[in-house]
Amino acid sequence: MKSPISTPTKITPLASRLREPIQSPFPPPSTTTAATTTTSPLHEKHSQHGLSARHIAEITTVFRLFDPDLSGYIDPPSLEVMARSLGFRMSPIEVLSEIELAWEERMESLLLDGGEQPPSEDATAEERRRIDLDMTLRILAKKGYSSRNTQDEMEMYFRLFDGGEKGYITLHDLKRVQNEIRQSEMEIRKEMQSELDVFQNTNIVVCESTLEAMMEEFDLNQDGVIDREEFRRIVEPILS
């Protein structure tokens, strides 16, 4: 028998970030983000790279999870973890190379457009390794984000959570995955330490009561676990 959750409202900040740019099982928010419309500047800018409005919304959703302070930027270790969470493996060296290339492409684009003043070529190494949403979209588009297979990806994510291939996901599985993500980020940051002196901590930590509330929210048949069908209902609106 499940113990009652006294403060389920703790999931609101996380749920809000997950649903703002996409349709979800939750009621829609009162405001609509620019990334949800096909006429948004981001869509007009990145459609030439093969990204649809849906792709941009998906990437925006995950980007916000890695930018808890809503600064508009993430750092290289966060980008690597984010890319892995979306199914793309990038080495630390590859991440830094892609960031540098995206920076150069942006400067060339700004110079050609003759509009916004491009960043100074004398920008510090720290400034040149701050990654905003636009750069993230450029990098993931080049990695082939638009050609992903939704069904295969859904099954891959389910197996990621389903420790032991039980056929369902438990609260223990959620805790395990959270710990693995934190450990992975720590290892990536350590690996990049020789390249970067300043890090921005993502602090993607969810307390146990919030994980319990999430289980309550998504466990539609109230059997204490999340089965494949329940998982599909959670993930499909995000991936489809």
C-alpha atoms as a PDB file:
ATOM      1  CA  MET A   1       0.000   0.000   0.000  1.00  0.00           C
ATOM      2  CA  LYS A   2       1.378   3.386  -0.985  1.00  0.00           C
ATOM      3  CA  SER A   3       1.994   6.014   1.661  1.00  0.00           C
ATOM      4  CA  PRO A   4       0.118   9.286   1.030  1.00  0.00           C
ATOM      5  CA  ILE A   5       2.041  12.151  -0.471  1.00  0.00           C
ATOM      6  CA  SER A   6       1.610  15.202   1.703  1.00  0.00           C
ATOM      7  CA  THR A   7       2.978  17.818  -0.683  1.00  0.00           C
ATOM      8  CA  PRO A   8       2.484  16.727  -4.321  1.00  0.00           C
ATOM      9  CA  THR A   9       2.695  20.326  -5.444  1.00  0.00           C
ATOM     10  CA  LYS A  10       6.483  20.044  -5.223  1.00  0.00           C
ATOM     11  CA  ILE A  11       6.508  18.655  -8.758  1.00  0.00           C
ATOM     12  CA  THR A  12       5.153  21.894 -10.214  1.00  0.00           C
ATOM     13  CA  PRO A  13       8.492  23.515 -11.205  1.00  0.00           C
ATOM     14  CA  LEU A  14       9.730  20.368 -12.972  1.00  0.00           C
ATOM     15  CA  ALA A  15       6.366  19.657 -14.585  1.00  0.00           C
ATOM     16  CA  SER A  16       6.125  23.235 -15.802  1.00  0.00           C
ATOM     17  CA  ARG A  17       9.508  23.009 -17.542  1.00  0.00           C
ATOM     18  CA  LEU A  18       8.550  19.709 -19.137  1.00  0.00           C
ATOM     19  CA  ARG A  19       5.255  20.897 -20.550  1.00  0.00           C
ATOM     20  CA  GLU A  20       5.677  24.540 -21.561  1.00  0.00           C
ATOM     21  CA  PRO A  21       6.948  24.037 -25.141  1.00  0.00           C
ATOM     22  CA  ILE A  22       5.006  20.830 -25.904  1.00  0.00           C
ATOM     23  CA  GLN A  23       1.653  19.149 -25.480  1.00  0.00           C
ATOM     24  CA  SER A  24       1.550  16.860 -22.466  1.00  0.00           C
ATOM     25  CA  PRO A  25      -0.893  14.848 -20.322  1.00  0.00           C
ATOM     26  CA  PHE A  26      -1.212  17.929 -18.094  1.00  0.00           C
ATOM     27  CA  PRO A  27      -3.473  20.938 -18.754  1.00  0.00           C
ATOM     28  CA  PRO A  28      -1.706  23.483 -20.995  1.00  0.00           C
ATOM     29  CA  PRO A  29      -0.143  26.538 -19.364  1.00  0.00           C
ATOM     30  CA  SER A  30      -1.727  29.945 -19.718  1.00  0.00           C
ATOM     31  CA  THR A  31       1.032  31.257 -21.961  1.00  0.00           C
ATOM     32  CA  THR A  32       2.524  29.794 -25.132  1.00  0.00           C
ATOM     33  CA  THR A  33       6.250  29.743 -25.730  1.00  0.00           C
ATOM     34  CA  ALA A  34       7.693  30.977 -28.979  1.00  0.00           C
ATOM     35  CA  ALA A  35       9.156  27.554 -29.738  1.00  0.00           C
ATOM     36  CA  THR A  36       5.685  25.990 -30.143  1.00  0.00           C
ATOM     37  CA  THR A  37       4.755  27.961 -33.234  1.00  0.00           C
ATOM     38  CA  THR A  38       5.978  27.437 -36.762  1.00  0.00           C
ATOM     39  CA  THR A  39       6.381  31.189 -37.191  1.00  0.00           C
ATOM     40  CA  SER A  40       8.835  31.630 -34.328  1.00  0.00           C
ATOM     41  CA  PRO A  41      12.214  33.205 -35.131  1.00  0.00           C
ATOM     42  CA  LEU A  42      13.961  30.029 -33.998  1.00  0.00           C
ATOM     43  CA  HIS A  43      11.927  27.928 -36.434  1.00  0.00           C
ATOM     44  CA  GLU A  44      12.564  30.312 -39.322  1.00  0.00           C
ATOM     45  CA  LYS A  45      16.273  30.308 -38.507  1.00  0.00           C
ATOM     46  CA  HIS A  46      16.777  26.573 -38.030  1.00  0.00           C
ATOM     47  CA  SER A  47      14.304  25.073 -40.503  1.00  0.00           C
ATOM     48  CA  GLN A  48      17.105  25.259 -43.079  1.00  0.00           C
ATOM     49  CA  HIS A  49      19.056  22.833 -40.867  1.00  0.00           C
ATOM     50  CA  GLY A  50      16.203  20.299 -40.973  1.00  0.00           C
ATOM     51  CA  LEU A  51      14.671  21.110 -37.584  1.00  0.00           C
ATOM     52  CA  SER A  52      10.886  21.377 -37.441  1.00  0.00           C
ATOM     53  CA  ALA A  53       8.957  23.377 -34.850  1.00  0.00           C
ATOM     54  CA  ARG A  54       8.452  20.112 -32.939  1.00  0.00           C
ATOM     55  CA  HIS A  55      12.185  19.371 -32.910  1.00  0.00           C
ATOM     56  CA  ILE A  56      12.923  22.871 -31.626  1.00  0.00           C
ATOM     57  CA  ALA A  57      10.280  22.476 -28.910  1.00  0.00           C
ATOM     58  CA  GLU A  58      11.791  19.157 -27.798  1.00  0.00           C
ATOM     59  CA  ILE A  59      15.317  20.535 -27.587  1.00  0.00           C
ATOM     60  CA  THR A  60      14.069  23.672 -25.827  1.00  0.00           C
ATOM     61  CA  THR A  61      12.344  21.515 -23.203  1.00  0.00           C
ATOM     62  CA  VAL A  62      15.515  19.576 -22.395  1.00  0.00           C
ATOM     63  CA  PHE A  63      17.696  22.708 -22.560  1.00  0.00           C
ATOM     64  CA  ARG A  64      15.574  24.300 -19.822  1.00  0.00           C
ATOM     65  CA  LEU A  65      16.093  21.280 -17.571  1.00  0.00           C
ATOM     66  CA  PHE A  66      19.844  21.817 -17.846  1.00  0.00           C
ATOM     67  CA  ASP A  67      19.455  25.563 -17.229  1.00  0.00           C
ATOM     68  CA  PRO A  68      17.633  25.555 -13.859  1.00  0.00           C
ATOM     69  CA  ASP A  69      18.484  29.216 -13.206  1.00  0.00           C
ATOM     70  CA  LEU A  70      17.019  30.235 -16.595  1.00  0.00           C
ATOM     71  CA  SER A  71      20.245  32.077 -17.404  1.00  0.00           C
ATOM     72  CA  GLY A  72      19.883  31.218 -21.077  1.00  0.00           C
ATOM     73  CA  TYR A  73      23.208  29.363 -21.095  1.00  0.00           C
ATOM     74  CA  ILE A  74      24.648  25.946 -20.294  1.00  0.00           C
ATOM     75  CA  ASP A  75      28.301  24.881 -20.154  1.00  0.00           C
ATOM     76  CA  PRO A  76      30.162  22.152 -22.113  1.00  0.00           C
ATOM     77  CA  PRO A  77      29.732  19.350 -19.539  1.00  0.00           C
ATOM     78  CA  SER A  78      26.002  20.088 -19.394  1.00  0.00           C
ATOM     79  CA  LEU A  79      25.796  19.993 -23.191  1.00  0.00           C
ATOM     80  CA  GLU A  80      27.468  16.573 -23.264  1.00  0.00           C
ATOM     81  CA  VAL A  81      25.045  15.166 -20.670  1.00  0.00           C
ATOM     82  CA  MET A  82      22.130  16.767 -22.508  1.00  0.00           C
ATOM     83  CA  ALA A  83      23.248  15.266 -25.831  1.00  0.00           C
ATOM     84  CA  ARG A  84      23.531  11.837 -24.219  1.00  0.00           C
ATOM     85  CA  SER A  85      20.030  12.162 -22.776  1.00  0.00           C
ATOM     86  CA  LEU A  86      18.794  12.769 -26.329  1.00  0.00           C
ATOM     87  CA  GLY A  87      20.624   9.736 -27.698  1.00  0.00           C
ATOM     88  CA  PHE A  88      23.805  11.385 -29.041  1.00  0.00           C
ATOM     89  CA  ARG A  89      27.205  10.411 -27.674  1.00  0.00           C
ATOM     90  CA  MET A  90      29.832  13.124 -27.930  1.00  0.00           C
ATOM     91  CA  SER A  91      33.321  13.023 -26.450  1.00  0.00           C
ATOM     92  CA  PRO A  92      34.513  16.027 -24.412  1.00  0.00           C
ATOM     93  CA  ILE A  93      36.892  16.992 -27.226  1.00  0.00           C
ATOM     94  CA  GLU A  94      34.073  16.741 -29.762  1.00  0.00           C
ATOM     95  CA  VAL A  95      31.832  18.909 -27.583  1.00  0.00           C
ATOM     96  CA  LEU A  96      34.460  21.649 -27.343  1.00  0.00           C
ATOM     97  CA  SER A  97      35.138  21.440 -31.081  1.00  0.00           C
ATOM     98  CA  GLU A  98      31.433  21.754 -31.931  1.00  0.00           C
ATOM     99  CA  ILE A  99      31.060  24.743 -29.600  1.00  0.00           C
ATOM    100  CA  GLU A 100      34.017  26.508 -31.206  1.00  0.00           C
ATOM    101  CA  LEU A 101      32.634  25.822 -34.675  1.00  0.00           C
ATOM    102  CA  ALA A 102      29.162  27.053 -33.686  1.00  0.00           C
ATOM    103  CA  TRP A 103      30.745  30.224 -32.272  1.00  0.00           C
ATOM    104  CA  GLU A 104      32.597  30.872 -35.530  1.00  0.00           C
ATOM    105  CA  GLU A 105      29.462  30.226 -37.603  1.00  0.00           C
ATOM    106  CA  ARG A 106      27.526  32.696 -35.474  1.00  0.00           C
ATOM    107  CA  MET A 107      30.139  35.417 -35.924  1.00  0.00           C
ATOM    108  CA  GLU A 108      30.175  34.881 -39.697  1.00  0.00           C
ATOM    109  CA  SER A 109      26.379  34.983 -39.812  1.00  0.00           C
ATOM    110  CA  LEU A 110      26.199  38.222 -37.816  1.00  0.00           C
ATOM    111  CA  LEU A 111      28.826  39.860 -40.010  1.00  0.00           C
ATOM    112  CA  LEU A 112      26.980  38.852 -43.184  1.00  0.00           C
ATOM    113  CA  ASP A 113      23.603  40.015 -41.872  1.00  0.00           C
ATOM    114  CA  GLY A 114      25.036  43.365 -40.851  1.00  0.00           C
ATOM    115  CA  GLY A 115      22.544  43.622 -38.024  1.00  0.00           C
ATOM    116  CA  GLU A 116      23.428  42.660 -34.489  1.00  0.00           C
ATOM    117  CA  GLN A 117      26.984  43.467 -33.451  1.00  0.00           C
ATOM    118  CA  PRO A 118      29.011  40.216 -33.377  1.00  0.00           C
ATOM    119  CA  PRO A 119      30.866  39.271 -30.200  1.00  0.00           C
ATOM    120  CA  SER A 120      34.403  40.509 -29.930  1.00  0.00           C
ATOM    121  CA  GLU A 121      37.102  38.174 -31.213  1.00  0.00           C
ATOM    122  CA  ASP A 122      38.866  38.915 -27.943  1.00  0.00           C
ATOM    123  CA  ALA A 123      36.073  37.306 -25.918  1.00  0.00           C
ATOM    124  CA  THR A 124      37.396  35.246 -23.030  1.00  0.00           C
ATOM    125  CA  ALA A 125      37.571  31.458 -23.192  1.00  0.00           C
ATOM    126  CA  GLU A 126      34.765  31.310 -20.622  1.00  0.00           C
ATOM    127  CA  GLU A 127      32.515  33.498 -22.775  1.00  0.00           C
ATOM    128  CA  ARG A 128      33.267  31.442 -25.878  1.00  0.00           C
ATOM    129  CA  ARG A 129      32.217  28.271 -24.076  1.00  0.00           C
ATOM    130  CA  ARG A 130      28.857  29.476 -22.869  1.00  0.00           C
ATOM    131  CA  ILE A 131      26.237  27.710 -24.968  1.00  0.00           C
ATOM    132  CA  ASP A 132      22.824  29.233 -25.579  1.00  0.00           C
ATOM    133  CA  LEU A 133      19.765  27.587 -27.124  1.00  0.00           C
ATOM    134  CA  ASP A 134      20.611  28.783 -30.629  1.00  0.00           C
ATOM    135  CA  MET A 135      24.048  27.144 -30.523  1.00  0.00           C
ATOM    136  CA  THR A 136      22.556  23.974 -29.042  1.00  0.00           C
ATOM    137  CA  LEU A 137      20.083  23.764 -31.919  1.00  0.00           C
ATOM    138  CA  ARG A 138      22.893  24.218 -34.462  1.00  0.00           C
ATOM    139  CA  ILE A 139      24.987  21.460 -32.902  1.00  0.00           C
ATOM    140  CA  LEU A 140      22.173  18.909 -32.528  1.00  0.00           C
ATOM    141  CA  ALA A 141      20.886  19.621 -36.039  1.00  0.00           C
ATOM    142  CA  LYS A 142      24.304  18.710 -37.434  1.00  0.00           C
ATOM    143  CA  LYS A 143      24.227  15.514 -35.376  1.00  0.00           C
ATOM    144  CA  GLY A 144      21.084  14.413 -37.211  1.00  0.00           C
ATOM    145  CA  TYR A 145      18.485  15.164 -34.560  1.00  0.00           C
ATOM    146  CA  SER A 146      15.644  15.322 -37.097  1.00  0.00           C
ATOM    147  CA  SER A 147      16.263  11.757 -38.343  1.00  0.00           C
ATOM    148  CA  ARG A 148      15.659   9.961 -35.037  1.00  0.00           C
ATOM    149  CA  ASN A 149      13.304   6.940 -34.884  1.00  0.00           C
ATOM    150  CA  THR A 150      10.615   7.723 -32.296  1.00  0.00           C
ATOM    151  CA  GLN A 151       9.596   4.142 -31.476  1.00  0.00           C
ATOM    152  CA  ASP A 152      13.172   2.927 -31.113  1.00  0.00           C
ATOM    153  CA  GLU A 153      14.000   5.942 -28.981  1.00  0.00           C
ATOM    154  CA  MET A 154      10.991   5.344 -26.723  1.00  0.00           C
ATOM    155  CA  GLU A 155      12.057   1.734 -26.156  1.00  0.00           C
ATOM    156  CA  MET A 156      15.641   2.851 -25.508  1.00  0.00           C
ATOM    157  CA  TYR A 157      14.479   5.265 -22.782  1.00  0.00           C
ATOM    158  CA  PHE A 158      12.253   2.619 -21.203  1.00  0.00           C
ATOM    159  CA  ARG A 159      15.164   0.171 -20.989  1.00  0.00           C
ATOM    160  CA  LEU A 160      17.303   2.943 -19.506  1.00  0.00           C
ATOM    161  CA  PHE A 161      14.871   3.247 -16.576  1.00  0.00           C
ATOM    162  CA  ASP A 162      13.869  -0.425 -16.370  1.00  0.00           C
ATOM    163  CA  GLY A 163      16.783  -1.835 -14.409  1.00  0.00           C
ATOM    164  CA  GLY A 164      16.923  -5.621 -14.728  1.00  0.00           C
ATOM    165  CA  GLU A 165      14.481  -5.688 -17.678  1.00  0.00           C
ATOM    166  CA  LYS A 166      11.513  -6.307 -15.383  1.00  0.00           C
ATOM    167  CA  GLY A 167       9.021  -4.791 -17.804  1.00  0.00           C
ATOM    168  CA  TYR A 168       8.143  -1.886 -15.491  1.00  0.00           C
ATOM    169  CA  ILE A 169       9.718   1.099 -13.713  1.00  0.00           C
ATOM    170  CA  THR A 170       9.800   1.520  -9.932  1.00  0.00           C
ATOM    171  CA  LEU A 171      10.619   4.390  -7.596  1.00  0.00           C
ATOM    172  CA  HIS A 172      13.991   2.717  -7.018  1.00  0.00           C
ATOM    173  CA  ASP A 173      14.634   2.885 -10.781  1.00  0.00           C
ATOM    174  CA  LEU A 174      13.959   6.640 -10.815  1.00  0.00           C
ATOM    175  CA  LYS A 175      16.409   7.158  -7.953  1.00  0.00           C
ATOM    176  CA  ARG A 176      19.025   4.995  -9.687  1.00  0.00           C
ATOM    177  CA  VAL A 177      18.789   6.916 -12.967  1.00  0.00           C
ATOM    178  CA  GLN A 178      19.030  10.249 -11.153  1.00  0.00           C
ATOM    179  CA  ASN A 179      22.187   9.070  -9.367  1.00  0.00           C
ATOM    180  CA  GLU A 180      23.656   7.802 -12.647  1.00  0.00           C
ATOM    181  CA  ILE A 181      23.036  11.169 -14.314  1.00  0.00           C
ATOM    182  CA  ARG A 182      24.695  13.019 -11.445  1.00  0.00           C
ATOM    183  CA  GLN A 183      27.659  10.629 -11.480  1.00  0.00           C
ATOM    184  CA  SER A 184      27.988  10.921 -15.254  1.00  0.00           C
ATOM    185  CA  GLU A 185      28.021  14.703 -15.065  1.00  0.00           C
ATOM    186  CA  MET A 186      30.683  14.625 -12.332  1.00  0.00           C
ATOM    187  CA  GLU A 187      32.877  12.352 -14.468  1.00  0.00           C
ATOM    188  CA  ILE A 188      32.427  14.551 -17.537  1.00  0.00           C
ATOM    189  CA  ARG A 189      33.309  17.683 -15.578  1.00  0.00           C
ATOM    190  CA  LYS A 190      36.403  15.973 -14.182  1.00  0.00           C
ATOM    191  CA  GLU A 191      37.409  14.852 -17.679  1.00  0.00           C
ATOM    192  CA  MET A 192      37.030  18.400 -18.985  1.00  0.00           C
ATOM    193  CA  GLN A 193      38.839  20.005 -16.049  1.00  0.00           C
ATOM    194  CA  SER A 194      42.028  20.444 -18.058  1.00  0.00           C
ATOM    195  CA  GLU A 195      40.089  22.365 -20.712  1.00  0.00           C
ATOM    196  CA  LEU A 196      37.759  24.439 -18.560  1.00  0.00           C
ATOM    197  CA  ASP A 197      38.415  26.330 -15.356  1.00  0.00           C
ATOM    198  CA  VAL A 198      34.900  27.574 -14.643  1.00  0.00           C
ATOM    199  CA  PHE A 199      31.827  25.370 -14.485  1.00  0.00           C
ATOM    200  CA  GLN A 200      28.153  26.140 -14.141  1.00  0.00           C
ATOM    201  CA  ASN A 201      26.504  23.523 -11.934  1.00  0.00           C
ATOM    202  CA  THR A 202      23.196  22.269 -13.303  1.00  0.00           C
ATOM    203  CA  ASN A 203      22.022  20.895  -9.948  1.00  0.00           C
ATOM    204  CA  ILE A 204      19.541  18.534 -11.556  1.00  0.00           C
ATOM    205  CA  VAL A 205      18.526  16.969  -8.249  1.00  0.00           C
ATOM    206  CA  VAL A 206      14.979  15.894  -7.469  1.00  0.00           C
ATOM    207  CA  CYS A 207      14.095  15.140  -3.841  1.00  0.00           C
ATOM    208  CA  GLU A 208      12.563  11.770  -2.926  1.00  0.00           C
ATOM    209  CA  SER A 209       9.132  13.216  -2.166  1.00  0.00           C
ATOM    210  CA  THR A 210       9.057  14.724  -5.662  1.00  0.00           C
ATOM    211  CA  LEU A 211       9.984  11.376  -7.233  1.00  0.00           C
ATOM    212  CA  GLU A 212       7.189   9.740  -5.218  1.00  0.00           C
ATOM    213  CA  ALA A 213       4.753  12.397  -6.410  1.00  0.00           C
ATOM    214  CA  MET A 214       5.838  11.791 -10.004  1.00  0.00           C
ATOM    215  CA  MET A 215       5.153   8.069  -9.572  1.00  0.00           C
ATOM    216  CA  GLU A 216       1.696   8.886  -8.214  1.00  0.00           C
ATOM    217  CA  GLU A 217       1.027  11.205 -11.151  1.00  0.00           C
ATOM    218  CA  PHE A 218       2.059   8.796 -13.917  1.00  0.00           C
ATOM    219  CA  ASP A 219       0.976   5.469 -12.376  1.00  0.00           C
ATOM    220  CA  LEU A 220      -2.456   5.510 -14.012  1.00  0.00           C
ATOM    221  CA  ASN A 221      -3.630   2.071 -12.822  1.00  0.00           C
ATOM    222  CA  GLN A 222      -2.262   2.673  -9.309  1.00  0.00           C
ATOM    223  CA  ASP A 223      -0.297  -0.594  -9.116  1.00  0.00           C
ATOM    224  CA  GLY A 224       2.826   1.074  -7.724  1.00  0.00           C
ATOM    225  CA  VAL A 225       4.905   0.866 -10.927  1.00  0.00           C
ATOM    226  CA  ILE A 226       5.039   2.481 -14.388  1.00  0.00           C
ATOM    227  CA  ASP A 227       4.511  -0.081 -17.137  1.00  0.00           C
ATOM    228  CA  ARG A 228       5.310   0.294 -20.849  1.00  0.00           C
ATOM    229  CA  GLU A 229       1.903   1.708 -21.753  1.00  0.00           C
ATOM    230  CA  GLU A 230       2.044   4.316 -18.982  1.00  0.00           C
ATOM    231  CA  PHE A 231       5.587   5.204 -20.010  1.00  0.00           C
ATOM    232  CA  ARG A 232       4.465   5.531 -23.630  1.00  0.00           C
ATOM    233  CA  ARG A 233       1.753   7.999 -22.600  1.00  0.00           C
ATOM    234  CA  ILE A 234       4.348  10.095 -20.784  1.00  0.00           C
ATOM    235  CA  VAL A 235       6.995  10.095 -23.512  1.00  0.00           C
ATOM    236  CA  GLU A 236       4.985   9.953 -26.745  1.00  0.00           C
ATOM    237  CA  PRO A 237       3.741  13.586 -26.618  1.00  0.00           C
ATOM    238  CA  ILE A 238       7.363  14.696 -26.231  1.00  0.00           C
ATOM    239  CA  LEU A 239       8.870  12.534 -28.977  1.00  0.00           C
ATOM    240  CA  SER A 240       6.039  12.484 -31.520  1.00  0.00           C
END
